[in-house]
PDB file of N, CA and C in Angstrom:
ATOM      1  N   LEU A   1     -14.125 -27.355 -35.597  1.00  0.00           N
ATOM      2  CA  LEU A   1     -13.100 -26.514 -35.007  1.00  0.00           C
ATOM      3  C   LEU A   1     -13.634 -25.808 -33.789  1.00  0.00           C
ATOM      4  N   GLY A   2     -14.879 -25.310 -33.909  1.00  0.00           N
ATOM      5  CA  GLY A   2     -15.493 -24.631 -32.758  1.00  0.00           C
ATOM      6  C   GLY A   2     -15.630 -25.574 -31.546  1.00  0.00           C
ATOM      7  N   LEU A   3     -16.125 -26.810 -31.877  1.00  0.00           N
ATOM      8  CA  LEU A   3     -16.331 -27.823 -30.817  1.00  0.00           C
ATOM      9  C   LEU A   3     -15.019 -28.151 -30.138  1.00  0.00           C
ATOM     10  N   ILE A   4     -13.979 -28.370 -30.965  1.00  0.00           N
ATOM     11  CA  ILE A   4     -12.649 -28.724 -30.413  1.00  0.00           C
ATOM     12  C   ILE A   4     -12.125 -27.570 -29.536  1.00  0.00           C
ATOM     13  N   GLY A   5     -12.331 -26.334 -30.002  1.00  0.00           N
ATOM     14  CA  GLY A   5     -11.866 -25.150 -29.259  1.00  0.00           C
ATOM     15  C   GLY A   5     -12.618 -25.095 -27.930  1.00  0.00           C
ATOM     16  N   THR A   6     -13.887 -25.413 -27.927  1.00  0.00           N
ATOM     17  CA  THR A   6     -14.640 -25.379 -26.679  1.00  0.00           C
ATOM     18  C   THR A   6     -14.135 -26.463 -25.713  1.00  0.00           C
ATOM     19  N   VAL A   7     -13.878 -27.653 -26.234  1.00  0.00           N
ATOM     20  CA  VAL A   7     -13.384 -28.734 -25.364  1.00  0.00           C
ATOM     21  C   VAL A   7     -12.033 -28.395 -24.804  1.00  0.00           C
ATOM     22  N   LEU A   8     -11.147 -27.901 -25.698  1.00  0.00           N
ATOM     23  CA  LEU A   8      -9.804 -27.559 -25.198  1.00  0.00           C
ATOM     24  C   LEU A   8      -9.864 -26.414 -24.187  1.00  0.00           C
ATOM     25  N   GLY A   9     -10.766 -25.466 -24.402  1.00  0.00           N
ATOM     26  CA  GLY A   9     -10.975 -24.352 -23.495  1.00  0.00           C
ATOM     27  C   GLY A   9     -11.426 -24.880 -22.129  1.00  0.00           C
ATOM     28  N   GLY A  10     -12.371 -25.778 -22.157  1.00  0.00           N
ATOM     29  CA  GLY A  10     -12.868 -26.309 -20.893  1.00  0.00           C
ATOM     30  C   GLY A  10     -11.831 -27.080 -20.165  1.00  0.00           C
ATOM     31  N   VAL A  11     -11.003 -27.881 -20.880  1.00  0.00           N
ATOM     32  CA  VAL A  11      -9.927 -28.630 -20.230  1.00  0.00           C
ATOM     33  C   VAL A  11      -8.909 -27.698 -19.652  1.00  0.00           C
ATOM     34  N   THR A  12      -8.566 -26.617 -20.420  1.00  0.00           N
ATOM     35  CA  THR A  12      -7.601 -25.653 -19.929  1.00  0.00           C
ATOM     36  C   THR A  12      -8.112 -24.995 -18.672  1.00  0.00           C
ATOM     37  N   LEU A  13      -9.366 -24.569 -18.630  1.00  0.00           N
ATOM     38  CA  LEU A  13      -9.920 -23.944 -17.430  1.00  0.00           C
ATOM     39  C   LEU A  13      -9.887 -24.956 -16.284  1.00  0.00           C
ATOM     40  N   GLY A  14     -10.202 -26.214 -16.548  1.00  0.00           N
ATOM     41  CA  GLY A  14     -10.216 -27.217 -15.506  1.00  0.00           C
ATOM     42  C   GLY A  14      -8.808 -27.424 -14.895  1.00  0.00           C
ATOM     43  N   VAL A  15      -7.830 -27.409 -15.805  1.00  0.00           N
ATOM     44  CA  VAL A  15      -6.426 -27.595 -15.300  1.00  0.00           C
ATOM     45  C   VAL A  15      -6.024 -26.397 -14.455  1.00  0.00           C
ATOM     46  N   ILE A  16      -6.361 -25.186 -14.952  1.00  0.00           N
ATOM     47  CA  ILE A  16      -6.036 -23.958 -14.210  1.00  0.00           C
ATOM     48  C   ILE A  16      -6.708 -23.959 -12.853  1.00  0.00           C
ATOM     49  N   GLY A  17      -8.000 -24.346 -12.846  1.00  0.00           N
ATOM     50  CA  GLY A  17      -8.764 -24.356 -11.604  1.00  0.00           C
ATOM     51  C   GLY A  17      -8.180 -25.351 -10.629  1.00  0.00           C
ATOM     52  N   ALA A  18      -7.796 -26.510 -11.107  1.00  0.00           N
ATOM     53  CA  ALA A  18      -7.205 -27.582 -10.246  1.00  0.00           C
ATOM     54  C   ALA A  18      -5.853 -27.055  -9.703  1.00  0.00           C
ATOM     55  N   ALA A  19      -5.080 -26.457 -10.528  1.00  0.00           N
ATOM     56  CA  ALA A  19      -3.763 -25.964 -10.097  1.00  0.00           C
ATOM     57  C   ALA A  19      -3.946 -24.823  -9.035  1.00  0.00           C
ATOM     58  N   ALA A  20      -4.926 -23.988  -9.277  1.00  0.00           N
ATOM     59  CA  ALA A  20      -5.198 -22.909  -8.284  1.00  0.00           C
ATOM     60  C   ALA A  20      -5.650 -23.520  -6.942  1.00  0.00           C
ATOM     61  N   ALA A  21      -6.572 -24.469  -6.994  1.00  0.00           N
ATOM     62  CA  ALA A  21      -7.065 -25.133  -5.798  1.00  0.00           C
ATOM     63  C   ALA A  21      -5.953 -25.811  -5.044  1.00  0.00           C
ATOM     64  N   TYR A  22      -5.022 -26.446  -5.799  1.00  0.00           N
ATOM     65  CA  TYR A  22      -3.914 -27.170  -5.179  1.00  0.00           C
ATOM     66  C   TYR A  22      -2.947 -26.158  -4.531  1.00  0.00           C
ATOM     67  N   GLY A  23      -2.720 -25.012  -5.146  1.00  0.00           N
ATOM     68  CA  GLY A  23      -1.844 -23.944  -4.589  1.00  0.00           C
ATOM     69  C   GLY A  23      -2.440 -23.396  -3.329  1.00  0.00           C
ATOM     70  N   ILE A  24      -3.782 -23.148  -3.348  1.00  0.00           N
ATOM     71  CA  ILE A  24      -4.470 -22.602  -2.184  1.00  0.00           C
ATOM     72  C   ILE A  24      -4.429 -23.556  -0.983  1.00  0.00           C
ATOM     73  N   GLN A  25      -4.602 -24.842  -1.300  1.00  0.00           N
ATOM     74  CA  GLN A  25      -4.560 -25.857  -0.222  1.00  0.00           C
ATOM     75  C   GLN A  25      -3.197 -25.929   0.372  1.00  0.00           C
ATOM     76  N   LYS A  26      -2.104 -25.833  -0.418  1.00  0.00           N
ATOM     77  CA  LYS A  26      -0.743 -25.886   0.034  1.00  0.00           C
ATOM     78  C   LYS A  26      -0.447 -24.657   0.907  1.00  0.00           C
ATOM     79  N   SER A  27      -0.969 -23.485   0.483  1.00  0.00           N
ATOM     80  CA  SER A  27      -0.679 -22.235   1.240  1.00  0.00           C
ATOM     81  C   SER A  27      -1.400 -22.312   2.572  1.00  0.00           C
ATOM     82  N   ARG A  28      -2.578 -22.934   2.587  1.00  0.00           N
ATOM     83  CA  ARG A  28      -3.305 -23.062   3.863  1.00  0.00           C
ATOM     84  C   ARG A  28      -2.568 -23.987   4.823  1.00  0.00           C
ATOM     85  N   GLU A  29      -1.977 -25.058   4.265  1.00  0.00           N
ATOM     86  CA  GLU A  29      -1.227 -26.018   5.120  1.00  0.00           C
ATOM     87  C   GLU A  29      -0.021 -25.302   5.759  1.00  0.00           C
ATOM     88  N   LYS A  30       0.617 -24.409   4.992  1.00  0.00           N
ATOM     89  CA  LYS A  30       1.782 -23.696   5.475  1.00  0.00           C
ATOM     90  C   LYS A  30       1.365 -22.728   6.644  1.00  0.00           C
ATOM     91  N   ARG A  31       0.146 -22.139   6.506  1.00  0.00           N
ATOM     92  CA  ARG A  31      -0.341 -21.261   7.567  1.00  0.00           C
ATOM     93  C   ARG A  31      -0.605 -22.018   8.844  1.00  0.00           C
ATOM     94  N   ASP A  32      -1.217 -23.179   8.762  1.00  0.00           N
ATOM     95  CA  ASP A  32      -1.581 -23.956   9.908  1.00  0.00           C
ATOM     96  C   ASP A  32      -0.333 -24.440  10.645  1.00  0.00           C
ATOM     97  N   HIS A  33       0.671 -24.881   9.911  1.00  0.00           N
ATOM     98  CA  HIS A  33       1.927 -25.354  10.564  1.00  0.00           C
ATOM     99  C   HIS A  33       2.912 -24.221  10.553  1.00  0.00           C
TER     100      HIS A  33
END
């Protein structure tokens, strides 16, 4: 259970990080144009 929780936690953080990076990239594109 601990291992599964760690894996799920890592995946969740990865998804949140990817979503945040995607949002930042989109906001930068809006600023440039």
